[in-house]
Amino acid sequence: MAVPVSDDAPGDADVSVSVADSGVSAGGCLRTSGLGSCLGVALYDPEAGIGALLHPMLPFREDETRRRERYVDSGIAEVLGQLEATGADRDRIVARVVGGAAVVEFGWNEDDGGSIGQRNVAAAEEVLDEAGIDIVGREVGGEHGRSMRFDTVSGEVTVERTDGERTVL
């Protein structure tokens, strides 16, 4: 189930978003960890100060019995709806995409679409492009897991990789 909208003041406790889930915040911080082949998709309306974080596992929804947030395509659609319901304007929303690493080998290769991480990144790029959402920051691929913290006051996303690298998007 999606995390409800948080009106926390800056500096209040972060809201954690689990795998196959999402959260929306106006003025707080959203955090997720365990991003290997999974993605962290931060969507943000800077004018409204409303942001959402999605943590999907797989690129496209093929099992209607599973949560929408488990998949990149249906998860992004779900979160965009949540953002619009809380006052965000789709024309102002921008995205930052994190994760999509090749930390687990599933036997896929370039001939059949790449690793699950590559497939997740490609799905996010496709779905966001179709929705008219610009990706303004990326920290994707490679072989290291990540965690991320999304500050919905500033729109800043801080990414920490398991190799010690830290990036601000």
C-alpha atoms as a PDB file:
ATOM      1  CA  MET A   1       0.000   0.000   0.000  1.00  0.00           C
ATOM      2  CA  ALA A   2       1.238   3.476  -0.821  1.00  0.00           C
ATOM      3  CA  VAL A   3       2.549   5.640   1.971  1.00  0.00           C
ATOM      4  CA  PRO A   4       0.097   8.503   2.637  1.00  0.00           C
ATOM      5  CA  VAL A   5       0.979  12.086   1.893  1.00  0.00           C
ATOM      6  CA  SER A   6       3.322  13.505   4.498  1.00  0.00           C
ATOM      7  CA  ASP A   7       3.236  17.175   5.466  1.00  0.00           C
ATOM      8  CA  ASP A   8       6.300  16.838   7.689  1.00  0.00           C
ATOM      9  CA  ALA A   9       8.357  19.947   8.169  1.00  0.00           C
ATOM     10  CA  PRO A  10      11.935  19.873   6.874  1.00  0.00           C
ATOM     11  CA  GLY A  11      14.172  18.099   9.331  1.00  0.00           C
ATOM     12  CA  ASP A  12      11.415  15.789  10.562  1.00  0.00           C
ATOM     13  CA  ALA A  13      11.939  12.051  10.291  1.00  0.00           C
ATOM     14  CA  ASP A  14      12.204  10.634   6.805  1.00  0.00           C
ATOM     15  CA  VAL A  15       9.439   8.467   5.397  1.00  0.00           C
ATOM     16  CA  SER A  16      10.798   5.087   4.311  1.00  0.00           C
ATOM     17  CA  VAL A  17       9.527   3.590   1.072  1.00  0.00           C
ATOM     18  CA  SER A  18       9.804  -0.189   0.830  1.00  0.00           C
ATOM     19  CA  VAL A  19      10.329  -2.270  -2.288  1.00  0.00           C
ATOM     20  CA  ALA A  20       7.198  -2.457  -4.461  1.00  0.00           C
ATOM     21  CA  ASP A  21       5.767   0.621  -2.773  1.00  0.00           C
ATOM     22  CA  SER A  22       5.653   4.400  -3.065  1.00  0.00           C
ATOM     23  CA  GLY A  23       5.317   7.509  -0.951  1.00  0.00           C
ATOM     24  CA  VAL A  24       4.215  11.090  -1.515  1.00  0.00           C
ATOM     25  CA  SER A  25       5.381  14.062   0.531  1.00  0.00           C
ATOM     26  CA  ALA A  26       4.833  17.800   0.619  1.00  0.00           C
ATOM     27  CA  GLY A  27       7.716  19.276   2.578  1.00  0.00           C
ATOM     28  CA  GLY A  28       9.367  16.155   3.948  1.00  0.00           C
ATOM     29  CA  CYS A  29      11.923  13.576   2.865  1.00  0.00           C
ATOM     30  CA  LEU A  30      11.402  10.196   1.267  1.00  0.00           C
ATOM     31  CA  ARG A  31      14.027   7.477   1.546  1.00  0.00           C
ATOM     32  CA  THR A  32      14.573   4.023   0.106  1.00  0.00           C
ATOM     33  CA  SER A  33      17.406   1.505   0.176  1.00  0.00           C
ATOM     34  CA  GLY A  34      18.225  -1.829  -1.374  1.00  0.00           C
ATOM     35  CA  LEU A  35      18.290  -0.482  -4.917  1.00  0.00           C
ATOM     36  CA  GLY A  36      20.130  -3.161  -6.852  1.00  0.00           C
ATOM     37  CA  SER A  37      18.383  -3.967 -10.115  1.00  0.00           C
ATOM     38  CA  CYS A  38      15.315  -2.186  -8.674  1.00  0.00           C
ATOM     39  CA  LEU A  39      14.763   1.495  -9.337  1.00  0.00           C
ATOM     40  CA  GLY A  40      14.106   4.524  -7.221  1.00  0.00           C
ATOM     41  CA  VAL A  41      12.033   6.955  -9.294  1.00  0.00           C
ATOM     42  CA  ALA A  42      11.672  10.410  -7.735  1.00  0.00           C
ATOM     43  CA  LEU A  43       8.937  12.562  -9.288  1.00  0.00           C
ATOM     44  CA  TYR A  44       8.760  16.215  -8.297  1.00  0.00           C
ATOM     45  CA  ASP A  45       6.672  19.314  -8.953  1.00  0.00           C
ATOM     46  CA  PRO A  46       9.039  22.109  -7.838  1.00  0.00           C
ATOM     47  CA  GLU A  47       6.384  24.817  -7.876  1.00  0.00           C
ATOM     48  CA  ALA A  48       3.956  22.872  -5.677  1.00  0.00           C
ATOM     49  CA  GLY A  49       6.751  21.386  -3.534  1.00  0.00           C
ATOM     50  CA  ILE A  50       5.212  17.932  -3.827  1.00  0.00           C
ATOM     51  CA  GLY A  51       7.273  14.850  -4.546  1.00  0.00           C
ATOM     52  CA  ALA A  52       6.865  11.112  -4.786  1.00  0.00           C
ATOM     53  CA  LEU A  53       9.230   8.181  -4.606  1.00  0.00           C
ATOM     54  CA  LEU A  54       8.549   4.831  -6.265  1.00  0.00           C
ATOM     55  CA  HIS A  55      10.592   1.637  -5.678  1.00  0.00           C
ATOM     56  CA  PRO A  56       9.640  -0.842  -8.463  1.00  0.00           C
ATOM     57  CA  MET A  57      11.277  -4.249  -9.010  1.00  0.00           C
ATOM     58  CA  LEU A  58      10.350  -5.218 -12.570  1.00  0.00           C
ATOM     59  CA  PRO A  59       9.812  -3.313 -15.832  1.00  0.00           C
ATOM     60  CA  PHE A  60       6.303  -4.195 -17.028  1.00  0.00           C
ATOM     61  CA  ARG A  61       3.195  -5.393 -15.223  1.00  0.00           C
ATOM     62  CA  GLU A  62       2.208  -8.825 -16.438  1.00  0.00           C
ATOM     63  CA  ASP A  63       0.483 -10.070 -13.286  1.00  0.00           C
ATOM     64  CA  GLU A  64      -2.646  -8.087 -12.451  1.00  0.00           C
ATOM     65  CA  THR A  65      -2.811  -9.710  -8.999  1.00  0.00           C
ATOM     66  CA  ARG A  66       0.419  -8.009  -7.891  1.00  0.00           C
ATOM     67  CA  ARG A  67       0.708  -4.443  -6.592  1.00  0.00           C
ATOM     68  CA  ARG A  68       1.002  -1.761  -9.276  1.00  0.00           C
ATOM     69  CA  GLU A  69       4.064  -0.297  -7.505  1.00  0.00           C
ATOM     70  CA  ARG A  70       5.956  -3.559  -8.053  1.00  0.00           C
ATOM     71  CA  TYR A  71       6.384  -2.609 -11.731  1.00  0.00           C
ATOM     72  CA  VAL A  72       7.957   0.410 -13.417  1.00  0.00           C
ATOM     73  CA  ASP A  73       5.133   1.034 -15.898  1.00  0.00           C
ATOM     74  CA  SER A  74       2.091   0.718 -13.651  1.00  0.00           C
ATOM     75  CA  GLY A  75       3.953   2.171 -10.663  1.00  0.00           C
ATOM     76  CA  ILE A  76       4.815   5.387 -12.472  1.00  0.00           C
ATOM     77  CA  ALA A  77       1.193   5.720 -13.629  1.00  0.00           C
ATOM     78  CA  GLU A  78      -0.037   5.144 -10.054  1.00  0.00           C
ATOM     79  CA  VAL A  79       2.360   7.692  -8.544  1.00  0.00           C
ATOM     80  CA  LEU A  80       1.599  10.331 -11.173  1.00  0.00           C
ATOM     81  CA  GLY A  81      -2.077   9.963 -10.267  1.00  0.00           C
ATOM     82  CA  GLN A  82      -1.261  10.350  -6.569  1.00  0.00           C
ATOM     83  CA  LEU A  83       0.798  13.469  -7.258  1.00  0.00           C
ATOM     84  CA  GLU A  84      -1.947  15.063  -9.337  1.00  0.00           C
ATOM     85  CA  ALA A  85      -4.533  14.208  -6.649  1.00  0.00           C
ATOM     86  CA  THR A  86      -2.429  16.133  -4.103  1.00  0.00           C
ATOM     87  CA  GLY A  87      -2.044  19.259  -6.234  1.00  0.00           C
ATOM     88  CA  ALA A  88       0.922  18.617  -8.538  1.00  0.00           C
ATOM     89  CA  ASP A  89       0.708  19.707 -12.168  1.00  0.00           C
ATOM     90  CA  ARG A  90       1.914  17.059 -14.632  1.00  0.00           C
ATOM     91  CA  ASP A  91       3.347  19.760 -16.888  1.00  0.00           C
ATOM     92  CA  ARG A  92       5.794  20.764 -14.119  1.00  0.00           C
ATOM     93  CA  ILE A  93       6.784  17.298 -12.889  1.00  0.00           C
ATOM     94  CA  VAL A  94      10.381  16.191 -13.440  1.00  0.00           C
ATOM     95  CA  ALA A  95      12.023  12.859 -12.652  1.00  0.00           C
ATOM     96  CA  ARG A  96      15.254  11.489 -11.245  1.00  0.00           C
ATOM     97  CA  VAL A  97      16.019   7.799 -11.771  1.00  0.00           C
ATOM     98  CA  VAL A  98      18.348   5.784  -9.534  1.00  0.00           C
ATOM     99  CA  GLY A  99      19.373   2.109  -9.512  1.00  0.00           C
ATOM    100  CA  GLY A 100      19.191  -0.443 -12.288  1.00  0.00           C
ATOM    101  CA  ALA A 101      22.496  -2.060 -11.376  1.00  0.00           C
ATOM    102  CA  ALA A 102      23.604  -5.508 -12.477  1.00  0.00           C
ATOM    103  CA  VAL A 103      24.079  -6.892  -8.960  1.00  0.00           C
ATOM    104  CA  VAL A 104      22.398 -10.243  -9.618  1.00  0.00           C
ATOM    105  CA  GLU A 105      22.841 -12.250 -12.807  1.00  0.00           C
ATOM    106  CA  PHE A 106      19.594 -13.702 -14.136  1.00  0.00           C
ATOM    107  CA  GLY A 107      21.079 -15.123 -17.330  1.00  0.00           C
ATOM    108  CA  TRP A 108      19.772 -12.356 -19.572  1.00  0.00           C
ATOM    109  CA  ASN A 109      22.052 -10.743 -22.107  1.00  0.00           C
ATOM    110  CA  GLU A 110      22.000  -7.941 -24.636  1.00  0.00           C
ATOM    111  CA  ASP A 111      20.318 -10.180 -27.237  1.00  0.00           C
ATOM    112  CA  ASP A 112      17.200 -10.577 -25.124  1.00  0.00           C
ATOM    113  CA  GLY A 113      16.954  -7.074 -23.638  1.00  0.00           C
ATOM    114  CA  GLY A 114      19.821  -6.891 -21.165  1.00  0.00           C
ATOM    115  CA  SER A 115      19.910  -7.368 -17.413  1.00  0.00           C
ATOM    116  CA  ILE A 116      16.823  -6.748 -15.288  1.00  0.00           C
ATOM    117  CA  GLY A 117      18.433  -3.480 -14.160  1.00  0.00           C
ATOM    118  CA  GLN A 118      18.908  -2.362 -17.777  1.00  0.00           C
ATOM    119  CA  ARG A 119      15.331  -3.372 -18.564  1.00  0.00           C
ATOM    120  CA  ASN A 120      14.040  -1.382 -15.592  1.00  0.00           C
ATOM    121  CA  VAL A 121      15.940   1.743 -16.655  1.00  0.00           C
ATOM    122  CA  ALA A 122      14.734   1.388 -20.262  1.00  0.00           C
ATOM    123  CA  ALA A 123      11.132   0.934 -19.067  1.00  0.00           C
ATOM    124  CA  ALA A 124      11.353   4.061 -16.879  1.00  0.00           C
ATOM    125  CA  GLU A 125      12.784   6.102 -19.757  1.00  0.00           C
ATOM    126  CA  GLU A 126      10.028   4.876 -22.082  1.00  0.00           C
ATOM    127  CA  VAL A 127       7.140   5.396 -19.662  1.00  0.00           C
ATOM    128  CA  LEU A 128       8.345   8.823 -18.512  1.00  0.00           C
ATOM    129  CA  ASP A 129       8.894   9.946 -22.105  1.00  0.00           C
ATOM    130  CA  GLU A 130       5.371   8.826 -23.055  1.00  0.00           C
ATOM    131  CA  ALA A 131       4.004  10.751 -20.052  1.00  0.00           C
ATOM    132  CA  GLY A 132       5.912  13.898 -21.080  1.00  0.00           C
ATOM    133  CA  ILE A 133       8.070  13.836 -17.925  1.00  0.00           C
ATOM    134  CA  ASP A 134      11.700  14.970 -18.322  1.00  0.00           C
ATOM    135  CA  ILE A 135      14.405  12.991 -16.546  1.00  0.00           C
ATOM    136  CA  VAL A 136      16.642  15.667 -15.009  1.00  0.00           C
ATOM    137  CA  GLY A 137      18.971  13.356 -13.099  1.00  0.00           C
ATOM    138  CA  ARG A 138      20.257   9.788 -13.379  1.00  0.00           C
ATOM    139  CA  GLU A 139      22.498   7.562 -11.257  1.00  0.00           C
ATOM    140  CA  VAL A 140      21.959   4.179 -12.923  1.00  0.00           C
ATOM    141  CA  GLY A 141      23.694   0.992 -14.002  1.00  0.00           C
ATOM    142  CA  GLY A 142      26.992  -0.371 -12.840  1.00  0.00           C
ATOM    143  CA  GLU A 143      27.434  -3.178 -10.350  1.00  0.00           C
ATOM    144  CA  HIS A 144      26.793  -1.447  -7.006  1.00  0.00           C
ATOM    145  CA  GLY A 145      23.636  -1.207  -4.951  1.00  0.00           C
ATOM    146  CA  ARG A 146      22.324   2.158  -3.834  1.00  0.00           C
ATOM    147  CA  SER A 147      20.167   3.966  -1.335  1.00  0.00           C
ATOM    148  CA  MET A 148      18.552   7.334  -1.928  1.00  0.00           C
ATOM    149  CA  ARG A 149      17.033  10.215  -0.005  1.00  0.00           C
ATOM    150  CA  PHE A 150      14.655  12.649  -1.731  1.00  0.00           C
ATOM    151  CA  ASP A 151      14.145  16.058  -0.094  1.00  0.00           C
ATOM    152  CA  THR A 152      10.795  17.396  -1.340  1.00  0.00           C
ATOM    153  CA  VAL A 153      11.609  20.900  -0.104  1.00  0.00           C
ATOM    154  CA  SER A 154      14.651  21.352  -2.349  1.00  0.00           C
ATOM    155  CA  GLY A 155      13.972  18.589  -4.890  1.00  0.00           C
ATOM    156  CA  GLU A 156      17.456  17.264  -4.200  1.00  0.00           C
ATOM    157  CA  VAL A 157      18.113  13.524  -4.391  1.00  0.00           C
ATOM    158  CA  THR A 158      21.152  12.162  -2.541  1.00  0.00           C
ATOM    159  CA  VAL A 159      22.416   8.777  -3.718  1.00  0.00           C
ATOM    160  CA  GLU A 160      24.802   6.608  -1.727  1.00  0.00           C
ATOM    161  CA  ARG A 161      26.348   3.591  -3.441  1.00  0.00           C
ATOM    162  CA  THR A 162      27.635   0.513  -1.658  1.00  0.00           C
ATOM    163  CA  ASP A 163      31.162   1.313  -2.911  1.00  0.00           C
ATOM    164  CA  GLY A 164      31.118   4.550  -0.870  1.00  0.00           C
ATOM    165  CA  GLU A 165      30.410   6.953  -3.725  1.00  0.00           C
ATOM    166  CA  ARG A 166      27.902   9.710  -2.959  1.00  0.00           C
ATOM    167  CA  THR A 167      26.111  11.762  -5.614  1.00  0.00           C
ATOM    168  CA  VAL A 168      23.603  14.603  -5.374  1.00  0.00           C
ATOM    169  CA  LEU A 169      21.140  14.895  -8.244  1.00  0.00           C
END
